[in-house]
C-alpha atoms as a PDB file:
ATOM      1  CA  UNK A   1     -82.246  63.033  90.149  1.00  0.00           C
ATOM      2  CA  UNK A   2     -82.346  66.747  89.236  1.00  0.00           C
ATOM      3  CA  UNK A   3     -81.920  67.653  92.992  1.00  0.00           C
ATOM      4  CA  UNK A   4     -78.601  65.362  93.392  1.00  0.00           C
ATOM      5  CA  UNK A   5     -77.152  67.000  90.388  1.00  0.00           C
ATOM      6  CA  UNK A   6     -77.967  70.465  91.463  1.00  0.00           C
ATOM      7  CA  UNK A   7     -76.347  69.569  94.963  1.00  0.00           C
ATOM      8  CA  UNK A   8     -73.128  68.351  93.123  1.00  0.00           C
ATOM      9  CA  UNK A   9     -72.989  71.494  91.189  1.00  0.00           C
ATOM     10  CA  UNK A  10     -73.280  73.713  94.351  1.00  0.00           C
ATOM     11  CA  UNK A  11     -70.643  71.741  96.121  1.00  0.00           C
ATOM     12  CA  UNK A  12     -68.072  72.202  93.289  1.00  0.00           C
ATOM     13  CA  UNK A  13     -69.042  75.792  92.961  1.00  0.00           C
ATOM     14  CA  UNK A  14     -68.314  76.165  96.926  1.00  0.00           C
ATOM     15  CA  UNK A  15     -64.891  74.512  96.457  1.00  0.00           C
ATOM     16  CA  UNK A  16     -63.840  76.636  93.317  1.00  0.00           C
ATOM     17  CA  UNK A  17     -64.733  80.054  95.155  1.00  0.00           C
ATOM     18  CA  UNK A  18     -62.454  79.467  98.217  1.00  0.00           C
ATOM     19  CA  UNK A  19     -59.912  82.432  98.309  1.00  0.00           C
ATOM     20  CA  UNK A  20     -57.233  81.939 100.458  1.00  0.00           C
ATOM     21  CA  UNK A  21     -53.620  80.944  99.960  1.00  0.00           C
ATOM     22  CA  UNK A  22     -50.282  80.541 101.879  1.00  0.00           C
ATOM     23  CA  UNK A  23     -46.470  80.383 101.102  1.00  0.00           C
ATOM     24  CA  UNK A  24     -43.619  78.467 102.020  1.00  0.00           C
ATOM     25  CA  UNK A  25     -39.892  79.128 101.427  1.00  0.00           C
ATOM     26  CA  UNK A  26     -37.987  75.943 100.007  1.00  0.00           C
ATOM     27  CA  UNK A  27     -34.364  75.874 100.855  1.00  0.00           C
ATOM     28  CA  UNK A  28     -32.227  73.708  98.370  1.00  0.00           C
ATOM     29  CA  UNK A  29     -28.516  73.028  97.494  1.00  0.00           C
ATOM     30  CA  UNK A  30     -26.112  70.509  96.230  1.00  0.00           C
ATOM     31  CA  UNK A  31     -23.689  69.565  98.823  1.00  0.00           C
ATOM     32  CA  UNK A  32     -20.176  68.133  97.887  1.00  0.00           C
ATOM     33  CA  UNK A  33     -20.330  64.536  96.869  1.00  0.00           C
ATOM     34  CA  UNK A  34     -16.881  62.621  96.884  1.00  0.00           C
ATOM     35  CA  UNK A  35     -17.505  58.937  96.863  1.00  0.00           C
ATOM     36  CA  UNK A  36     -15.010  56.112  96.142  1.00  0.00           C
ATOM     37  CA  UNK A  37     -14.986  52.327  96.310  1.00  0.00           C
ATOM     38  CA  UNK A  38     -12.549  49.559  95.578  1.00  0.00           C
ATOM     39  CA  UNK A  39     -13.410  46.596  93.761  1.00  0.00           C
ATOM     40  CA  UNK A  40     -11.280  44.221  95.945  1.00  0.00           C
ATOM     41  CA  UNK A  41     -10.357  44.137  99.624  1.00  0.00           C
ATOM     42  CA  UNK A  42      -7.111  42.209  99.073  1.00  0.00           C
ATOM     43  CA  UNK A  43      -4.244  42.116  96.519  1.00  0.00           C
ATOM     44  CA  UNK A  44      -1.374  39.569  96.521  1.00  0.00           C
ATOM     45  CA  UNK A  45       1.934  40.495  95.088  1.00  0.00           C
ATOM     46  CA  UNK A  46       4.908  38.157  95.179  1.00  0.00           C
ATOM     47  CA  UNK A  47       8.207  38.402  93.392  1.00  0.00           C
ATOM     48  CA  UNK A  48       9.614  34.875  93.232  1.00  0.00           C
ATOM     49  CA  UNK A  49      11.168  34.527  89.770  1.00  0.00           C
ATOM     50  CA  UNK A  50      13.858  35.509  87.414  1.00  0.00           C
ATOM     51  CA  UNK A  51      15.706  34.747  84.024  1.00  0.00           C
ATOM     52  CA  UNK A  52      19.363  33.883  84.898  1.00  0.00           C
ATOM     53  CA  UNK A  53      21.501  37.049  84.762  1.00  0.00           C
ATOM     54  CA  UNK A  54      18.299  39.507  85.020  1.00  0.00           C
ATOM     55  CA  UNK A  55      16.659  41.326  87.827  1.00  0.00           C
ATOM     56  CA  UNK A  56      13.819  39.484  89.411  1.00  0.00           C
ATOM     57  CA  UNK A  57      10.534  39.681  87.512  1.00  0.00           C
ATOM     58  CA  UNK A  58       8.113  42.497  88.396  1.00  0.00           C
ATOM     59  CA  UNK A  59       4.464  41.228  89.482  1.00  0.00           C
ATOM     60  CA  UNK A  60       1.189  43.192  88.816  1.00  0.00           C
ATOM     61  CA  UNK A  61      -2.105  42.760  90.163  1.00  0.00           C
ATOM     62  CA  UNK A  62      -5.078  44.648  88.963  1.00  0.00           C
ATOM     63  CA  UNK A  63      -8.597  45.650  90.380  1.00  0.00           C
ATOM     64  CA  UNK A  64     -11.103  48.322  89.791  1.00  0.00           C
ATOM     65  CA  UNK A  65     -12.436  51.690  91.426  1.00  0.00           C
ATOM     66  CA  UNK A  66     -15.731  53.374  91.377  1.00  0.00           C
ATOM     67  CA  UNK A  67     -15.836  57.224  91.682  1.00  0.00           C
ATOM     68  CA  UNK A  68     -18.696  59.730  92.073  1.00  0.00           C
ATOM     69  CA  UNK A  69     -17.825  63.472  92.601  1.00  0.00           C
ATOM     70  CA  UNK A  70     -19.711  66.624  91.765  1.00  0.00           C
ATOM     71  CA  UNK A  71     -16.603  68.669  92.397  1.00  0.00           C
ATOM     72  CA  UNK A  72     -14.533  70.505  90.074  1.00  0.00           C
ATOM     73  CA  UNK A  73     -10.769  70.073  89.415  1.00  0.00           C
ATOM     74  CA  UNK A  74     -10.461  67.212  91.876  1.00  0.00           C
ATOM     75  CA  UNK A  75      -7.845  64.675  92.325  1.00  0.00           C
ATOM     76  CA  UNK A  76      -7.104  61.335  93.490  1.00  0.00           C
ATOM     77  CA  UNK A  77      -4.072  60.528  95.632  1.00  0.00           C
ATOM     78  CA  UNK A  78      -2.838  57.336  97.182  1.00  0.00           C
ATOM     79  CA  UNK A  79      -0.729  56.309  99.958  1.00  0.00           C
ATOM     80  CA  UNK A  80       0.286  53.266 101.983  1.00  0.00           C
ATOM     81  CA  UNK A  81       0.193  52.699 105.700  1.00  0.00           C
ATOM     82  CA  UNK A  82       3.862  51.286 105.890  1.00  0.00           C
ATOM     83  CA  UNK A  83       6.726  51.596 103.652  1.00  0.00           C
ATOM     84  CA  UNK A  84       7.685  48.437 101.799  1.00  0.00           C
ATOM     85  CA  UNK A  85      11.047  46.683 102.739  1.00  0.00           C
ATOM     86  CA  UNK A  86      14.364  47.951 101.297  1.00  0.00           C
ATOM     87  CA  UNK A  87      15.134  46.923  97.754  1.00  0.00           C
ATOM     88  CA  UNK A  88      11.259  46.728  96.944  1.00  0.00           C
ATOM     89  CA  UNK A  89       9.190  49.237  95.242  1.00  0.00           C
ATOM     90  CA  UNK A  90       5.294  49.309  95.219  1.00  0.00           C
ATOM     91  CA  UNK A  91       3.639  51.532  92.598  1.00  0.00           C
ATOM     92  CA  UNK A  92       0.130  52.270  91.363  1.00  0.00           C
ATOM     93  CA  UNK A  93      -1.577  53.280  88.028  1.00  0.00           C
ATOM     94  CA  UNK A  94      -5.030  54.212  87.798  1.00  0.00           C
ATOM     95  CA  UNK A  95      -7.134  54.743  84.662  1.00  0.00           C
ATOM     96  CA  UNK A  96      -8.739  58.006  84.841  1.00  0.00           C
ATOM     97  CA  UNK A  97     -12.264  58.896  84.389  1.00  0.00           C
ATOM     98  CA  UNK A  98     -13.206  60.769  81.110  1.00  0.00           C
ATOM     99  CA  UNK A  99     -11.682  64.281  80.834  1.00  0.00           C
ATOM    100  CA  UNK A 100      -9.106  63.788  83.914  1.00  0.00           C
ATOM    101  CA  UNK A 101      -5.367  63.347  83.506  1.00  0.00           C
ATOM    102  CA  UNK A 102      -3.623  60.207  84.878  1.00  0.00           C
ATOM    103  CA  UNK A 103      -0.231  60.543  86.302  1.00  0.00           C
ATOM    104  CA  UNK A 104       1.131  57.361  85.086  1.00  0.00           C
ATOM    105  CA  UNK A 105       2.765  54.668  87.236  1.00  0.00           C
ATOM    106  CA  UNK A 106       3.659  56.323  90.697  1.00  0.00           C
ATOM    107  CA  UNK A 107       5.630  54.781  93.343  1.00  0.00           C
ATOM    108  CA  UNK A 108       3.763  54.699  96.689  1.00  0.00           C
ATOM    109  CA  UNK A 109       4.902  55.724 100.070  1.00  0.00           C
ATOM    110  CA  UNK A 110       3.258  56.738 103.464  1.00  0.00           C
ATOM    111  CA  UNK A 111       2.755  60.413 102.030  1.00  0.00           C
ATOM    112  CA  UNK A 112      -0.033  60.746  99.675  1.00  0.00           C
ATOM    113  CA  UNK A 113       1.074  61.294  95.844  1.00  0.00           C
ATOM    114  CA  UNK A 114      -1.137  62.292  93.086  1.00  0.00           C
ATOM    115  CA  UNK A 115      -2.637  59.596  90.884  1.00  0.00           C
ATOM    116  CA  UNK A 116      -5.269  61.448  88.926  1.00  0.00           C
ATOM    117  CA  UNK A 117      -5.896  65.124  88.659  1.00  0.00           C
ATOM    118  CA  UNK A 118      -8.289  67.659  86.784  1.00  0.00           C
ATOM    119  CA  UNK A 119     -11.297  65.418  87.873  1.00  0.00           C
ATOM    120  CA  UNK A 120     -14.532  67.084  86.810  1.00  0.00           C
ATOM    121  CA  UNK A 121     -18.075  66.042  87.964  1.00  0.00           C
ATOM    122  CA  UNK A 122     -18.385  62.399  87.062  1.00  0.00           C
ATOM    123  CA  UNK A 123     -19.982  59.038  87.960  1.00  0.00           C
ATOM    124  CA  UNK A 124     -17.762  56.299  86.599  1.00  0.00           C
ATOM    125  CA  UNK A 125     -17.322  52.593  87.669  1.00  0.00           C
ATOM    126  CA  UNK A 126     -15.187  49.793  86.765  1.00  0.00           C
ATOM    127  CA  UNK A 127     -12.137  51.971  86.325  1.00  0.00           C
ATOM    128  CA  UNK A 128      -8.781  50.264  86.319  1.00  0.00           C
ATOM    129  CA  UNK A 129      -6.255  50.250  89.185  1.00  0.00           C
ATOM    130  CA  UNK A 130      -2.972  48.357  88.851  1.00  0.00           C
ATOM    131  CA  UNK A 131      -0.357  47.670  91.418  1.00  0.00           C
ATOM    132  CA  UNK A 132       3.191  46.681  90.587  1.00  0.00           C
ATOM    133  CA  UNK A 133       5.752  45.293  92.899  1.00  0.00           C
ATOM    134  CA  UNK A 134       9.558  45.453  91.759  1.00  0.00           C
ATOM    135  CA  UNK A 135      12.404  43.987  93.698  1.00  0.00           C
ATOM    136  CA  UNK A 136      15.918  44.198  92.981  1.00  0.00           C
ATOM    137  CA  UNK A 137      18.429  41.526  93.855  1.00  0.00           C
ATOM    138  CA  UNK A 138      19.549  43.592  96.785  1.00  0.00           C
ATOM    139  CA  UNK A 139      16.294  43.126  98.524  1.00  0.00           C
ATOM    140  CA  UNK A 140      17.347  39.661  99.295  1.00  0.00           C
ATOM    141  CA  UNK A 141      14.596  37.572 100.839  1.00  0.00           C
ATOM    142  CA  UNK A 142      11.662  39.459 102.256  1.00  0.00           C
ATOM    143  CA  UNK A 143       9.220  37.993 104.796  1.00  0.00           C
ATOM    144  CA  UNK A 144       5.663  38.095 103.872  1.00  0.00           C
ATOM    145  CA  UNK A 145       4.136  41.315 105.252  1.00  0.00           C
ATOM    146  CA  UNK A 146       1.189  43.591 104.085  1.00  0.00           C
ATOM    147  CA  UNK A 147       0.444  47.274 104.078  1.00  0.00           C
ATOM    148  CA  UNK A 148      -2.886  49.288 103.582  1.00  0.00           C
ATOM    149  CA  UNK A 149      -3.562  51.463 100.476  1.00  0.00           C
ATOM    150  CA  UNK A 150      -5.649  54.400 100.823  1.00  0.00           C
ATOM    151  CA  UNK A 151      -7.314  56.236  97.941  1.00  0.00           C
ATOM    152  CA  UNK A 152      -8.397  59.693  98.619  1.00  0.00           C
ATOM    153  CA  UNK A 153     -10.569  62.020  96.476  1.00  0.00           C
ATOM    154  CA  UNK A 154     -10.474  65.721  97.165  1.00  0.00           C
ATOM    155  CA  UNK A 155     -11.523  68.903  95.403  1.00  0.00           C
ATOM    156  CA  UNK A 156      -8.825  71.595  95.016  1.00  0.00           C
END
């Protein structure tokens, strides 16, 4: 039994006395992250009622969006693929993440418009996104149609 104990001590001492080392360079970085997701794939807006003597009722539909970004002074902009028919107006309003500034209700068109500015690094989910369709009587009857909404996050 004494011989076994001595053998273990010798093995342990042999490992502790090894004297070589090696080095390795570790490269690290945090690359830009700009991820956005919409809560729904489809929104339905239909103007179809009015009070006698008033303009047609404005209709709204809401969904949510999620945003993760590690950039500073970012913004969200929105656009639609095709302009809506004459006499109609399609607008959007987003709830900004903490510390950012919402631009209020903004009319959408084919050119991107700012919806939120001053976005700092954030990870926020379930933020509000409301669309509003407004029709004047001059719009007349408008056949059912659709357009694509694009929401883009960018760093300035």
